[in-house]
Amino acid sequence: MQKENPICLCQIPADLQKSEMFKAIANYVNQIPEELRTEDRIYERRLMACSQCDALIGGLTCKYCGCFVLARARKKSQSCPMPGKDCWEKMDNY
């Protein structure tokens, strides 16, 4: 049986307990090279937008892309995956 490609590229196993999941995500986020990270103030704004979004599943995952929001929001190259609306765009321009 061929293994499907994961939606989120951070390679964190989906079957971890929630407390362990937060630790694994934090570890992954801390390993993102500095030059690829968004500024702290933008990161916090992105997370605030995600925390208020109906697409946030279990406080961890975006229903539109399947990524862990803590990881996706930290990367400069990423944008909000909501179809037809980038909820981060105005946050990133301040």
PDB file of N, CA and C in Angstrom:
ATOM      1  N   MET A   1       0.843  -1.178   0.000  1.00  0.00           N
ATOM      2  CA  MET A   1       0.000   0.000   0.000  1.00  0.00           C
ATOM      3  C   MET A   1       0.887   1.239   0.000  1.00  0.00           C
ATOM      4  N   GLN A   2       0.622   2.160  -0.902  1.00  0.00           N
ATOM      5  CA  GLN A   2       1.406   3.378  -1.016  1.00  0.00           C
ATOM      6  C   GLN A   2       0.931   4.412  -0.001  1.00  0.00           C
ATOM      7  N   LYS A   3       1.876   5.026   0.683  1.00  0.00           N
ATOM      8  CA  LYS A   3       1.560   6.061   1.669  1.00  0.00           C
ATOM      9  C   LYS A   3       1.190   7.360   0.951  1.00  0.00           C
ATOM     10  N   GLU A   4       0.091   7.965   1.372  1.00  0.00           N
ATOM     11  CA  GLU A   4      -0.338   9.223   0.776  1.00  0.00           C
ATOM     12  C   GLU A   4       0.572  10.356   1.210  1.00  0.00           C
ATOM     13  N   ASN A   5       0.696  11.356   0.352  1.00  0.00           N
ATOM     14  CA  ASN A   5       1.475  12.542   0.706  1.00  0.00           C
ATOM     15  C   ASN A   5       0.742  13.319   1.779  1.00  0.00           C
ATOM     16  N   PRO A   6       1.437  13.750   2.824  1.00  0.00           N
ATOM     17  CA  PRO A   6       0.783  14.531   3.868  1.00  0.00           C
ATOM     18  C   PRO A   6       0.393  15.909   3.352  1.00  0.00           C
ATOM     19  N   ILE A   7      -0.691  16.449   3.872  1.00  0.00           N
ATOM     20  CA  ILE A   7      -1.112  17.804   3.504  1.00  0.00           C
ATOM     21  C   ILE A   7      -0.139  18.814   4.097  1.00  0.00           C
ATOM     22  N   CYS A   8       0.152  18.674   5.370  1.00  0.00           N
ATOM     23  CA  CYS A   8       1.078  19.572   6.057  1.00  0.00           C
ATOM     24  C   CYS A   8       2.481  18.987   5.933  1.00  0.00           C
ATOM     25  N   LEU A   9       3.438  19.788   5.564  1.00  0.00           N
ATOM     26  CA  LEU A   9       4.787  19.298   5.320  1.00  0.00           C
ATOM     27  C   LEU A   9       5.668  19.228   6.563  1.00  0.00           C
ATOM     28  N   CYS A  10       5.111  19.480   7.730  1.00  0.00           N
ATOM     29  CA  CYS A  10       5.941  19.490   8.945  1.00  0.00           C
ATOM     30  C   CYS A  10       6.216  18.089   9.481  1.00  0.00           C
ATOM     31  N   GLN A  11       5.582  17.063   8.929  1.00  0.00           N
ATOM     32  CA  GLN A  11       5.858  15.664   9.260  1.00  0.00           C
ATOM     33  C   GLN A  11       5.584  15.291  10.715  1.00  0.00           C
ATOM     34  N   ILE A  12       4.670  15.971  11.375  1.00  0.00           N
ATOM     35  CA  ILE A  12       4.295  15.643  12.749  1.00  0.00           C
ATOM     36  C   ILE A  12       3.189  14.597  12.689  1.00  0.00           C
ATOM     37  N   PRO A  13       3.369  13.452  13.339  1.00  0.00           N
ATOM     38  CA  PRO A  13       2.353  12.394  13.280  1.00  0.00           C
ATOM     39  C   PRO A  13       0.997  12.863  13.793  1.00  0.00           C
ATOM     40  N   ALA A  14      -0.051  12.511  13.091  1.00  0.00           N
ATOM     41  CA  ALA A  14      -1.403  12.952  13.428  1.00  0.00           C
ATOM     42  C   ALA A  14      -1.960  12.246  14.661  1.00  0.00           C
ATOM     43  N   ASP A  15      -1.352  11.154  15.103  1.00  0.00           N
ATOM     44  CA  ASP A  15      -1.906  10.392  16.208  1.00  0.00           C
ATOM     45  C   ASP A  15      -1.300  10.737  17.578  1.00  0.00           C
ATOM     46  N   LEU A  16      -0.552  11.818  17.667  1.00  0.00           N
ATOM     47  CA  LEU A  16      -0.018  12.239  18.963  1.00  0.00           C
ATOM     48  C   LEU A  16      -1.141  12.774  19.847  1.00  0.00           C
ATOM     49  N   GLN A  17      -1.003  12.600  21.163  1.00  0.00           N
ATOM     50  CA  GLN A  17      -1.960  13.210  22.078  1.00  0.00           C
ATOM     51  C   GLN A  17      -1.813  14.724  21.959  1.00  0.00           C
ATOM     52  N   LYS A  18      -2.887  15.441  22.272  1.00  0.00           N
ATOM     53  CA  LYS A  18      -2.903  16.887  22.067  1.00  0.00           C
ATOM     54  C   LYS A  18      -1.748  17.594  22.785  1.00  0.00           C
ATOM     55  N   SER A  19      -1.451  17.227  24.019  1.00  0.00           N
ATOM     56  CA  SER A  19      -0.355  17.879  24.747  1.00  0.00           C
ATOM     57  C   SER A  19       0.982  17.626  24.061  1.00  0.00           C
ATOM     58  N   GLU A  20       1.175  16.426  23.559  1.00  0.00           N
ATOM     59  CA  GLU A  20       2.401  16.099  22.843  1.00  0.00           C
ATOM     60  C   GLU A  20       2.431  16.784  21.480  1.00  0.00           C
ATOM     61  N   MET A  21       1.264  16.953  20.894  1.00  0.00           N
ATOM     62  CA  MET A  21       1.164  17.621  19.600  1.00  0.00           C
ATOM     63  C   MET A  21       1.667  19.063  19.711  1.00  0.00           C
ATOM     64  N   PHE A  22       1.233  19.793  20.743  1.00  0.00           N
ATOM     65  CA  PHE A  22       1.694  21.168  20.929  1.00  0.00           C
ATOM     66  C   PHE A  22       3.213  21.216  21.085  1.00  0.00           C
ATOM     67  N   LYS A  23       3.777  20.275  21.817  1.00  0.00           N
ATOM     68  CA  LYS A  23       5.233  20.230  21.988  1.00  0.00           C
ATOM     69  C   LYS A  23       5.931  19.967  20.662  1.00  0.00           C
ATOM     70  N   ALA A  24       5.404  19.024  19.897  1.00  0.00           N
ATOM     71  CA  ALA A  24       6.006  18.692  18.606  1.00  0.00           C
ATOM     72  C   ALA A  24       5.926  19.872  17.644  1.00  0.00           C
ATOM     73  N   ILE A  25       4.800  20.554  17.635  1.00  0.00           N
ATOM     74  CA  ILE A  25       4.640  21.724  16.755  1.00  0.00           C
ATOM     75  C   ILE A  25       5.592  22.835  17.191  1.00  0.00           C
ATOM     76  N   ALA A  26       5.676  23.083  18.498  1.00  0.00           N
ATOM     77  CA  ALA A  26       6.585  24.122  19.007  1.00  0.00           C
ATOM     78  C   ALA A  26       8.028  23.805  18.632  1.00  0.00           C
ATOM     79  N   ASN A  27       8.405  22.546  18.734  1.00  0.00           N
ATOM     80  CA  ASN A  27       9.747  22.131  18.354  1.00  0.00           C
ATOM     81  C   ASN A  27       9.989  22.382  16.868  1.00  0.00           C
ATOM     82  N   TYR A  28       9.018  22.035  16.039  1.00  0.00           N
ATOM     83  CA  TYR A  28       9.126  22.271  14.600  1.00  0.00           C
ATOM     84  C   TYR A  28       9.262  23.775  14.306  1.00  0.00           C
ATOM     85  N   VAL A  29       8.404  24.584  14.931  1.00  0.00           N
ATOM     86  CA  VAL A  29       8.422  26.033  14.708  1.00  0.00           C
ATOM     87  C   VAL A  29       9.769  26.623  15.124  1.00  0.00           C
ATOM     88  N   ASN A  30      10.316  26.152  16.225  1.00  0.00           N
ATOM     89  CA  ASN A  30      11.608  26.655  16.702  1.00  0.00           C
ATOM     90  C   ASN A  30      12.758  26.301  15.761  1.00  0.00           C
ATOM     91  N   GLN A  31      12.564  25.278  14.934  1.00  0.00           N
ATOM     92  CA  GLN A  31      13.612  24.862  14.001  1.00  0.00           C
ATOM     93  C   GLN A  31      13.519  25.564  12.643  1.00  0.00           C
ATOM     94  N   ILE A  32      12.486  26.361  12.439  1.00  0.00           N
ATOM     95  CA  ILE A  32      12.379  27.109  11.184  1.00  0.00           C
ATOM     96  C   ILE A  32      13.504  28.148  11.167  1.00  0.00           C
ATOM     97  N   PRO A  33      14.311  28.162  10.129  1.00  0.00           N
ATOM     98  CA  PRO A  33      15.421  29.130  10.075  1.00  0.00           C
ATOM     99  C   PRO A  33      14.917  30.571  10.209  1.00  0.00           C
ATOM    100  N   GLU A  34      15.672  31.361  10.906  1.00  0.00           N
ATOM    101  CA  GLU A  34      15.301  32.753  11.199  1.00  0.00           C
ATOM    102  C   GLU A  34      14.926  33.531   9.946  1.00  0.00           C
ATOM    103  N   GLU A  35      15.664  33.333   8.876  1.00  0.00           N
ATOM    104  CA  GLU A  35      15.397  34.095   7.655  1.00  0.00           C
ATOM    105  C   GLU A  35      14.077  33.706   6.986  1.00  0.00           C
ATOM    106  N   LEU A  36      13.491  32.589   7.378  1.00  0.00           N
ATOM    107  CA  LEU A  36      12.215  32.139   6.818  1.00  0.00           C
ATOM    108  C   LEU A  36      11.029  32.463   7.722  1.00  0.00           C
ATOM    109  N   ARG A  37      11.327  32.970   8.916  1.00  0.00           N
ATOM    110  CA  ARG A  37      10.271  33.272   9.884  1.00  0.00           C
ATOM    111  C   ARG A  37       9.694  34.665   9.687  1.00  0.00           C
ATOM    112  N   THR A  38       8.393  34.770   9.940  1.00  0.00           N
ATOM    113  CA  THR A  38       7.775  36.081   9.948  1.00  0.00           C
ATOM    114  C   THR A  38       8.107  36.764  11.279  1.00  0.00           C
ATOM    115  N   GLU A  39       8.031  38.065  11.304  1.00  0.00           N
ATOM    116  CA  GLU A  39       8.316  38.820  12.532  1.00  0.00           C
ATOM    117  C   GLU A  39       7.346  38.419  13.636  1.00  0.00           C
ATOM    118  N   ASP A  40       7.799  38.519  14.883  1.00  0.00           N
ATOM    119  CA  ASP A  40       6.973  38.120  16.026  1.00  0.00           C
ATOM    120  C   ASP A  40       5.633  38.833  16.058  1.00  0.00           C
ATOM    121  N   ARG A  41       5.625  40.139  15.791  1.00  0.00           N
ATOM    122  CA  ARG A  41       4.365  40.898  15.861  1.00  0.00           C
ATOM    123  C   ARG A  41       3.380  40.416  14.792  1.00  0.00           C
ATOM    124  N   ILE A  42       3.882  40.083  13.619  1.00  0.00           N
ATOM    125  CA  ILE A  42       3.022  39.569  12.554  1.00  0.00           C
ATOM    126  C   ILE A  42       2.542  38.167  12.898  1.00  0.00           C
ATOM    127  N   TYR A  43       3.416  37.362  13.437  1.00  0.00           N
ATOM    128  CA  TYR A  43       3.062  36.002  13.857  1.00  0.00           C
ATOM    129  C   TYR A  43       1.912  36.040  14.859  1.00  0.00           C
ATOM    130  N   GLU A  44       2.017  36.907  15.841  1.00  0.00           N
ATOM    131  CA  GLU A  44       0.966  37.020  16.850  1.00  0.00           C
ATOM    132  C   GLU A  44      -0.353  37.473  16.230  1.00  0.00           C
ATOM    133  N   ARG A  45      -0.292  38.394  15.295  1.00  0.00           N
ATOM    134  CA  ARG A  45      -1.512  38.866  14.614  1.00  0.00           C
ATOM    135  C   ARG A  45      -2.135  37.759  13.773  1.00  0.00           C
ATOM    136  N   ARG A  46      -1.296  37.002  13.090  1.00  0.00           N
ATOM    137  CA  ARG A  46      -1.803  35.880  12.300  1.00  0.00           C
ATOM    138  C   ARG A  46      -2.500  34.861  13.212  1.00  0.00           C
ATOM    139  N   LEU A  47      -1.871  34.535  14.319  1.00  0.00           N
ATOM    140  CA  LEU A  47      -2.467  33.574  15.243  1.00  0.00           C
ATOM    141  C   LEU A  47      -3.777  34.096  15.825  1.00  0.00           C
ATOM    142  N   MET A  48      -3.847  35.390  16.067  1.00  0.00           N
ATOM    143  CA  MET A  48      -5.086  35.980  16.567  1.00  0.00           C
ATOM    144  C   MET A  48      -6.199  35.813  15.532  1.00  0.00           C
ATOM    145  N   ALA A  49      -5.884  36.078  14.271  1.00  0.00           N
ATOM    146  CA  ALA A  49      -6.871  35.909  13.208  1.00  0.00           C
ATOM    147  C   ALA A  49      -7.327  34.450  13.134  1.00  0.00           C
ATOM    148  N   CYS A  50      -6.390  33.527  13.209  1.00  0.00           N
ATOM    149  CA  CYS A  50      -6.733  32.097  13.154  1.00  0.00           C
ATOM    150  C   CYS A  50      -7.576  31.678  14.356  1.00  0.00           C
ATOM    151  N   SER A  51      -7.263  32.216  15.517  1.00  0.00           N
ATOM    152  CA  SER A  51      -7.994  31.823  16.729  1.00  0.00           C
ATOM    153  C   SER A  51      -9.458  32.247  16.683  1.00  0.00           C
ATOM    154  N   GLN A  52      -9.764  33.246  15.866  1.00  0.00           N
ATOM    155  CA  GLN A  52     -11.133  33.741  15.741  1.00  0.00           C
ATOM    156  C   GLN A  52     -11.840  33.195  14.500  1.00  0.00           C
ATOM    157  N   CYS A  53     -11.176  32.320  13.766  1.00  0.00           N
ATOM    158  CA  CYS A  53     -11.706  31.816  12.499  1.00  0.00           C
ATOM    159  C   CYS A  53     -12.501  30.528  12.716  1.00  0.00           C
ATOM    160  N   ASP A  54     -13.621  30.418  12.034  1.00  0.00           N
ATOM    161  CA  ASP A  54     -14.451  29.216  12.107  1.00  0.00           C
ATOM    162  C   ASP A  54     -13.781  28.002  11.472  1.00  0.00           C
ATOM    163  N   ALA A  55     -12.725  28.221  10.718  1.00  0.00           N
ATOM    164  CA  ALA A  55     -12.029  27.119  10.047  1.00  0.00           C
ATOM    165  C   ALA A  55     -10.971  26.460  10.927  1.00  0.00           C
ATOM    166  N   LEU A  56     -10.769  26.965  12.135  1.00  0.00           N
ATOM    167  CA  LEU A  56      -9.786  26.380  13.043  1.00  0.00           C
ATOM    168  C   LEU A  56     -10.382  25.130  13.683  1.00  0.00           C
ATOM    169  N   ILE A  57      -9.716  24.017  13.509  1.00  0.00           N
ATOM    170  CA  ILE A  57     -10.182  22.735  14.030  1.00  0.00           C
ATOM    171  C   ILE A  57      -9.339  22.345  15.241  1.00  0.00           C
ATOM    172  N   GLY A  58     -10.001  22.150  16.365  1.00  0.00           N
ATOM    173  CA  GLY A  58      -9.312  21.690  17.569  1.00  0.00           C
ATOM    174  C   GLY A  58      -8.231  22.614  18.076  1.00  0.00           C
ATOM    175  N   GLY A  59      -8.279  23.862  17.684  1.00  0.00           N
ATOM    176  CA  GLY A  59      -7.272  24.819  18.134  1.00  0.00           C
ATOM    177  C   GLY A  59      -5.912  24.613  17.502  1.00  0.00           C
ATOM    178  N   LEU A  60      -5.817  23.712  16.528  1.00  0.00           N
ATOM    179  CA  LEU A  60      -4.523  23.373  15.939  1.00  0.00           C
ATOM    180  C   LEU A  60      -4.451  23.466  14.424  1.00  0.00           C
ATOM    181  N   THR A  61      -5.510  23.060  13.759  1.00  0.00           N
ATOM    182  CA  THR A  61      -5.451  22.792  12.330  1.00  0.00           C
ATOM    183  C   THR A  61      -6.426  23.656  11.537  1.00  0.00           C
ATOM    184  N   CYS A  62      -5.981  24.085  10.367  1.00  0.00           N
ATOM    185  CA  CYS A  62      -6.848  24.840   9.461  1.00  0.00           C
ATOM    186  C   CYS A  62      -7.602  23.859   8.571  1.00  0.00           C
ATOM    187  N   LYS A  63      -8.909  24.005   8.501  1.00  0.00           N
ATOM    188  CA  LYS A  63      -9.697  23.078   7.682  1.00  0.00           C
ATOM    189  C   LYS A  63      -9.475  23.280   6.191  1.00  0.00           C
ATOM    190  N   TYR A  64      -8.959  24.427   5.786  1.00  0.00           N
ATOM    191  CA  TYR A  64      -8.764  24.692   4.363  1.00  0.00           C
ATOM    192  C   TYR A  64      -7.480  24.077   3.807  1.00  0.00           C
ATOM    193  N   CYS A  65      -6.428  24.029   4.603  1.00  0.00           N
ATOM    194  CA  CYS A  65      -5.161  23.507   4.078  1.00  0.00           C
ATOM    195  C   CYS A  65      -4.661  22.272   4.820  1.00  0.00           C
ATOM    196  N   GLY A  66      -5.189  22.031   6.022  1.00  0.00           N
ATOM    197  CA  GLY A  66      -4.748  20.881   6.802  1.00  0.00           C
ATOM    198  C   GLY A  66      -3.477  21.131   7.600  1.00  0.00           C
ATOM    199  N   CYS A  67      -2.953  22.332   7.520  1.00  0.00           N
ATOM    200  CA  CYS A  67      -1.717  22.667   8.241  1.00  0.00           C
ATOM    201  C   CYS A  67      -1.995  23.001   9.700  1.00  0.00           C
ATOM    202  N   PHE A  68      -0.973  22.835  10.514  1.00  0.00           N
ATOM    203  CA  PHE A  68      -1.020  23.319  11.890  1.00  0.00           C
ATOM    204  C   PHE A  68      -0.805  24.828  11.818  1.00  0.00           C
ATOM    205  N   VAL A  69      -1.757  25.601  12.344  1.00  0.00           N
ATOM    206  CA  VAL A  69      -1.685  27.056  12.194  1.00  0.00           C
ATOM    207  C   VAL A  69      -0.453  27.644  12.876  1.00  0.00           C
ATOM    208  N   LEU A  70       0.013  27.050  13.955  1.00  0.00           N
ATOM    209  CA  LEU A  70       1.202  27.564  14.636  1.00  0.00           C
ATOM    210  C   LEU A  70       2.426  27.505  13.730  1.00  0.00           C
ATOM    211  N   ALA A  71       2.483  26.505  12.881  1.00  0.00           N
ATOM    212  CA  ALA A  71       3.609  26.372  11.953  1.00  0.00           C
ATOM    213  C   ALA A  71       3.413  27.245  10.721  1.00  0.00           C
ATOM    214  N   ARG A  72       2.245  27.176  10.110  1.00  0.00           N
ATOM    215  CA  ARG A  72       1.985  27.939   8.888  1.00  0.00           C
ATOM    216  C   ARG A  72       2.119  29.441   9.137  1.00  0.00           C
ATOM    217  N   ALA A  73       1.592  29.920  10.244  1.00  0.00           N
ATOM    218  CA  ALA A  73       1.613  31.346  10.549  1.00  0.00           C
ATOM    219  C   ALA A  73       3.026  31.877  10.772  1.00  0.00           C
ATOM    220  N   ARG A  74       3.944  31.026  11.157  1.00  0.00           N
ATOM    221  CA  ARG A  74       5.314  31.451  11.451  1.00  0.00           C
ATOM    222  C   ARG A  74       6.139  31.671  10.181  1.00  0.00           C
ATOM    223  N   LYS A  75       5.723  31.077   9.074  1.00  0.00           N
ATOM    224  CA  LYS A  75       6.521  31.148   7.853  1.00  0.00           C
ATOM    225  C   LYS A  75       6.162  32.369   7.002  1.00  0.00           C
ATOM    226  N   LYS A  76       7.195  33.145   6.639  1.00  0.00           N
ATOM    227  CA  LYS A  76       7.003  34.332   5.800  1.00  0.00           C
ATOM    228  C   LYS A  76       6.307  33.997   4.492  1.00  0.00           C
ATOM    229  N   SER A  77       6.640  32.878   3.916  1.00  0.00           N
ATOM    230  CA  SER A  77       6.170  32.531   2.575  1.00  0.00           C
ATOM    231  C   SER A  77       4.708  32.109   2.525  1.00  0.00           C
ATOM    232  N   GLN A  78       4.080  31.922   3.666  1.00  0.00           N
ATOM    233  CA  GLN A  78       2.711  31.419   3.707  1.00  0.00           C
ATOM    234  C   GLN A  78       1.692  32.555   3.766  1.00  0.00           C
ATOM    235  N   SER A  79       0.488  32.225   3.360  1.00  0.00           N
ATOM    236  CA  SER A  79      -0.632  33.159   3.461  1.00  0.00           C
ATOM    237  C   SER A  79      -1.827  32.392   3.999  1.00  0.00           C
ATOM    238  N   CYS A  80      -2.841  33.103   4.379  1.00  0.00           N
ATOM    239  CA  CYS A  80      -4.075  32.477   4.849  1.00  0.00           C
ATOM    240  C   CYS A  80      -4.676  31.682   3.695  1.00  0.00           C
ATOM    241  N   PRO A  81      -5.023  30.422   3.918  1.00  0.00           N
ATOM    242  CA  PRO A  81      -5.542  29.594   2.823  1.00  0.00           C
ATOM    243  C   PRO A  81      -7.054  29.682   2.596  1.00  0.00           C
ATOM    244  N   MET A  82      -7.734  30.563   3.309  1.00  0.00           N
ATOM    245  CA  MET A  82      -9.182  30.662   3.133  1.00  0.00           C
ATOM    246  C   MET A  82      -9.503  31.025   1.681  1.00  0.00           C
ATOM    247  N   PRO A  83     -10.324  30.226   1.026  1.00  0.00           N
ATOM    248  CA  PRO A  83     -10.656  30.505  -0.373  1.00  0.00           C
ATOM    249  C   PRO A  83     -11.311  31.879  -0.549  1.00  0.00           C
ATOM    250  N   GLY A  84     -10.745  32.659  -1.443  1.00  0.00           N
ATOM    251  CA  GLY A  84     -11.307  33.957  -1.765  1.00  0.00           C
ATOM    252  C   GLY A  84     -11.052  35.064  -0.764  1.00  0.00           C
ATOM    253  N   LYS A  85     -10.332  34.758   0.315  1.00  0.00           N
ATOM    254  CA  LYS A  85     -10.107  35.783   1.336  1.00  0.00           C
ATOM    255  C   LYS A  85      -8.836  35.453   2.114  1.00  0.00           C
ATOM    256  N   ASP A  86      -7.866  36.351   2.105  1.00  0.00           N
ATOM    257  CA  ASP A  86      -6.651  36.177   2.881  1.00  0.00           C
ATOM    258  C   ASP A  86      -6.799  36.968   4.172  1.00  0.00           C
ATOM    259  N   CYS A  87      -7.114  36.287   5.246  1.00  0.00           N
ATOM    260  CA  CYS A  87      -7.354  36.948   6.544  1.00  0.00           C
ATOM    261  C   CYS A  87      -6.073  37.500   7.161  1.00  0.00           C
ATOM    262  N   TRP A  88      -4.927  37.100   6.647  1.00  0.00           N
ATOM    263  CA  TRP A  88      -3.651  37.597   7.178  1.00  0.00           C
ATOM    264  C   TRP A  88      -3.160  38.834   6.452  1.00  0.00           C
ATOM    265  N   GLU A  89      -3.603  39.068   5.250  1.00  0.00           N
ATOM    266  CA  GLU A  89      -3.031  40.104   4.404  1.00  0.00           C
ATOM    267  C   GLU A  89      -2.938  41.453   5.105  1.00  0.00           C
ATOM    268  N   LYS A  90      -4.016  41.911   5.709  1.00  0.00           N
ATOM    269  CA  LYS A  90      -3.978  43.204   6.387  1.00  0.00           C
ATOM    270  C   LYS A  90      -3.083  43.164   7.622  1.00  0.00           C
ATOM    271  N   MET A  91      -2.960  42.011   8.255  1.00  0.00           N
ATOM    272  CA  MET A  91      -2.097  41.871   9.435  1.00  0.00           C
ATOM    273  C   MET A  91      -0.623  41.999   9.052  1.00  0.00           C
ATOM    274  N   ASP A  92      -0.276  41.447   7.899  1.00  0.00           N
ATOM    275  CA  ASP A  92       1.127  41.433   7.467  1.00  0.00           C
ATOM    276  C   ASP A  92       1.613  42.792   6.992  1.00  0.00           C
ATOM    277  N   ASN A  93       0.712  43.684   6.657  1.00  0.00           N
ATOM    278  CA  ASN A  93       1.096  44.978   6.112  1.00  0.00           C
ATOM    279  C   ASN A  93       1.226  46.076   7.166  1.00  0.00           C
ATOM    280  N   TYR A  94       1.096  45.726   8.444  1.00  0.00           N
ATOM    281  CA  TYR A  94       1.244  46.724   9.510  1.00  0.00           C
ATOM    282  C   TYR A  94       2.594  46.641  10.142  1.00  0.00           C
TER     283      TYR A  94
END
